[in-house]
Amino acid sequence: MLDQFNDMDTKELDLPDTVFIRDIESRVFQAIAIKCLSDIKGIALIEGTLFDNLLGREGLDRVKGIHVEQDSKNHSVNMKIELNIAYGISLPEKAEEIQTKLVKDIIQYTGLHVACVHVVFKNLIPEERFFKEEAEELADTIDEEFANEF
């Protein structure tokens, strides 16, 4: 019986006339998702449109494919993530990796429950483009390691 009170927030007892409200804008969730997704290999965000480029939108202003709905009553979040994926990668395994990592990060940084993470694979990244990017990253890493030795 006493265990249930250990996790209780005592601010409500100490300050009974104070209402504690926390709002988190969708851009915050988008930024967390972008950082989270950047650490996952074999996927890419949906690119901005030509219209975005003409208007000079950059960063979070031109985020496509990350949709967030908050339920303030239940203190939960629903996310829909639209991505491109490299050819040859198992879609179910990659979806599970993305969903698990997103849920952990959103909970850690916002304290909100993640009710749903809907992953939509929109397009395939051609093998040669994906492997070219991977090779460039590997070459950059090797250059940095050897630069420190000489």
Protein backbone atom coordinates (compact mmCIF):
# COMPACT_ATOMS: atom_id res chain seq x y z
CA MET A 1 0.00 0.00 0.00
CA LEU A 2 2.77 2.46 0.87
CA ASP A 3 4.69 1.63 -2.33
CA GLN A 4 2.13 3.47 -4.46
CA PHE A 5 2.91 6.72 -2.62
CA ASN A 6 6.67 6.48 -3.23
CA ASP A 7 6.21 7.44 -6.90
CA MET A 8 3.73 10.22 -6.14
CA ASP A 9 4.66 13.80 -6.98
CA THR A 10 4.62 15.70 -3.68
CA LYS A 11 4.39 19.13 -5.37
CA GLU A 12 0.61 18.78 -5.41
CA LEU A 13 0.55 18.24 -1.64
CA ASP A 14 3.11 20.95 -0.83
CA LEU A 15 1.50 23.54 -3.14
CA PRO A 16 -2.22 22.60 -3.35
CA ASP A 17 -3.32 25.88 -4.98
CA THR A 18 -0.80 25.66 -7.78
CA VAL A 19 -1.62 24.03 -11.09
CA PHE A 20 1.39 22.59 -12.92
CA ILE A 21 1.05 22.71 -16.70
CA ARG A 22 3.65 21.69 -19.26
CA ASP A 23 3.21 22.26 -22.98
CA ILE A 24 5.54 20.78 -25.55
CA GLU A 25 5.37 22.06 -29.12
CA SER A 26 5.42 19.65 -32.05
CA ARG A 27 8.79 21.07 -33.14
CA VAL A 28 10.36 19.65 -29.98
CA PHE A 29 9.10 16.17 -30.84
CA GLN A 30 10.31 16.62 -34.42
CA ALA A 31 13.78 17.62 -33.20
CA ILE A 32 13.96 14.61 -30.89
CA ALA A 33 12.82 12.33 -33.74
CA ILE A 34 15.37 13.81 -36.18
CA LYS A 35 18.22 13.28 -33.70
CA CYS A 36 17.01 9.76 -32.94
CA LEU A 37 16.61 8.82 -36.61
CA SER A 38 20.01 10.25 -37.55
CA ASP A 39 21.64 7.52 -35.44
CA ILE A 40 19.86 4.72 -37.34
CA LYS A 41 21.62 3.34 -40.43
CA GLY A 42 19.83 2.57 -43.68
CA ILE A 43 17.06 5.16 -43.51
CA ALA A 44 16.59 8.76 -44.63
CA LEU A 45 14.03 11.45 -43.93
CA ILE A 46 11.71 12.57 -46.70
CA GLU A 47 13.38 15.49 -48.49
CA GLY A 48 11.90 18.98 -48.53
CA THR A 49 10.05 20.09 -51.64
CA LEU A 50 11.20 22.47 -54.34
CA PHE A 51 8.80 25.01 -52.83
CA ASP A 52 10.63 24.71 -49.47
CA ASN A 53 13.95 25.34 -51.21
CA LEU A 54 12.58 28.39 -53.07
CA LEU A 55 11.29 29.89 -49.81
CA GLY A 56 14.62 29.23 -48.11
CA ARG A 57 13.12 27.07 -45.39
CA GLU A 58 15.76 25.21 -43.44
CA GLY A 59 16.01 22.96 -40.44
CA LEU A 60 12.78 22.23 -38.59
CA ASP A 61 10.81 24.63 -40.82
CA ARG A 62 11.04 22.14 -43.66
CA VAL A 63 10.62 18.90 -41.73
CA LYS A 64 8.54 16.50 -43.75
CA GLY A 65 7.32 13.13 -42.66
CA ILE A 66 7.24 13.61 -38.88
CA HIS A 67 3.68 14.13 -37.66
CA VAL A 68 2.85 14.48 -33.97
CA GLU A 69 -0.49 14.44 -32.16
CA GLN A 70 -0.61 15.08 -28.43
CA ASP A 71 -3.38 13.94 -26.12
CA SER A 72 -3.10 16.30 -23.14
CA LYS A 73 -5.88 14.51 -21.28
CA ASN A 74 -3.95 11.21 -21.24
CA HIS A 75 -0.46 12.81 -21.32
CA SER A 76 0.42 10.78 -24.39
CA VAL A 77 1.80 11.26 -27.89
CA ASN A 78 1.02 9.63 -31.24
CA MET A 79 3.67 9.86 -33.95
CA LYS A 80 3.67 9.08 -37.64
CA ILE A 81 7.11 8.87 -39.23
CA GLU A 82 7.52 8.72 -43.02
CA LEU A 83 10.93 7.56 -44.22
CA ASN A 84 12.92 6.26 -47.15
CA ILE A 85 14.81 3.02 -46.61
CA ALA A 86 17.78 1.46 -48.34
CA TYR A 87 17.07 -1.45 -50.64
CA GLY A 88 17.82 -4.85 -49.09
CA ILE A 89 17.01 -3.98 -45.47
CA SER A 90 14.34 -5.97 -43.65
CA LEU A 91 11.37 -3.63 -43.27
CA PRO A 92 9.87 -5.29 -40.15
CA GLU A 93 13.22 -5.35 -38.33
CA LYS A 94 14.02 -1.72 -39.23
CA ALA A 95 10.51 -0.57 -38.23
CA GLU A 96 10.89 -2.24 -34.83
CA GLU A 97 14.33 -0.64 -34.34
CA ILE A 98 12.94 2.81 -35.21
CA GLN A 99 9.87 2.43 -33.01
CA THR A 100 11.80 1.17 -30.00
CA LYS A 101 14.42 3.92 -30.18
CA LEU A 102 11.83 6.68 -30.72
CA VAL A 103 9.71 5.52 -27.78
CA LYS A 104 12.74 5.43 -25.45
CA ASP A 105 13.92 8.90 -26.51
CA ILE A 106 10.49 10.56 -26.33
CA ILE A 107 9.83 9.11 -22.87
CA GLN A 108 13.32 10.05 -21.64
CA TYR A 109 13.20 13.66 -22.85
CA THR A 110 9.52 14.56 -22.36
CA GLY A 111 8.20 12.19 -19.70
CA LEU A 112 5.12 11.56 -21.85
CA HIS A 113 3.68 8.17 -22.75
CA VAL A 114 4.03 7.22 -26.42
CA ALA A 115 0.73 5.66 -27.42
CA CYS A 116 1.60 4.97 -31.07
CA VAL A 117 4.56 5.14 -33.45
CA HIS A 118 3.35 4.57 -37.01
CA VAL A 119 6.28 4.04 -39.40
CA VAL A 120 5.56 4.49 -43.11
CA PHE A 121 8.25 3.52 -45.61
CA LYS A 122 7.63 5.85 -48.58
CA ASN A 123 10.41 4.97 -50.98
CA LEU A 124 13.50 2.83 -51.51
CA ILE A 125 16.95 4.37 -51.58
CA PRO A 126 18.85 2.80 -54.50
CA GLU A 127 21.64 0.45 -53.40
CA GLU A 128 24.40 2.40 -55.14
CA ARG A 129 23.39 5.71 -53.53
CA PHE A 130 23.13 4.20 -50.06
CA PHE A 131 26.43 2.34 -50.30
CA LYS A 132 28.15 5.42 -51.74
CA GLU A 133 27.06 7.44 -48.67
CA GLU A 134 28.20 4.63 -46.35
CA ALA A 135 31.59 4.47 -48.11
CA GLU A 136 32.02 8.26 -47.81
CA GLU A 137 31.25 8.13 -44.07
CA LEU A 138 33.75 5.29 -43.60
CA ALA A 139 36.42 7.19 -45.57
CA ASP A 140 35.86 10.30 -43.44
CA THR A 141 36.19 8.24 -40.26
CA ILE A 142 39.41 6.62 -41.47
CA ASP A 143 40.85 10.00 -42.50
CA GLU A 144 40.12 11.43 -39.04
CA GLU A 145 41.75 8.47 -37.29
CA PHE A 146 44.93 8.60 -39.38
CA ALA A 147 45.13 12.41 -39.26
CA ASN A 148 45.65 12.19 -35.51
CA GLU A 149 48.56 9.76 -35.93
CA PHE A 150 50.57 11.90 -38.35
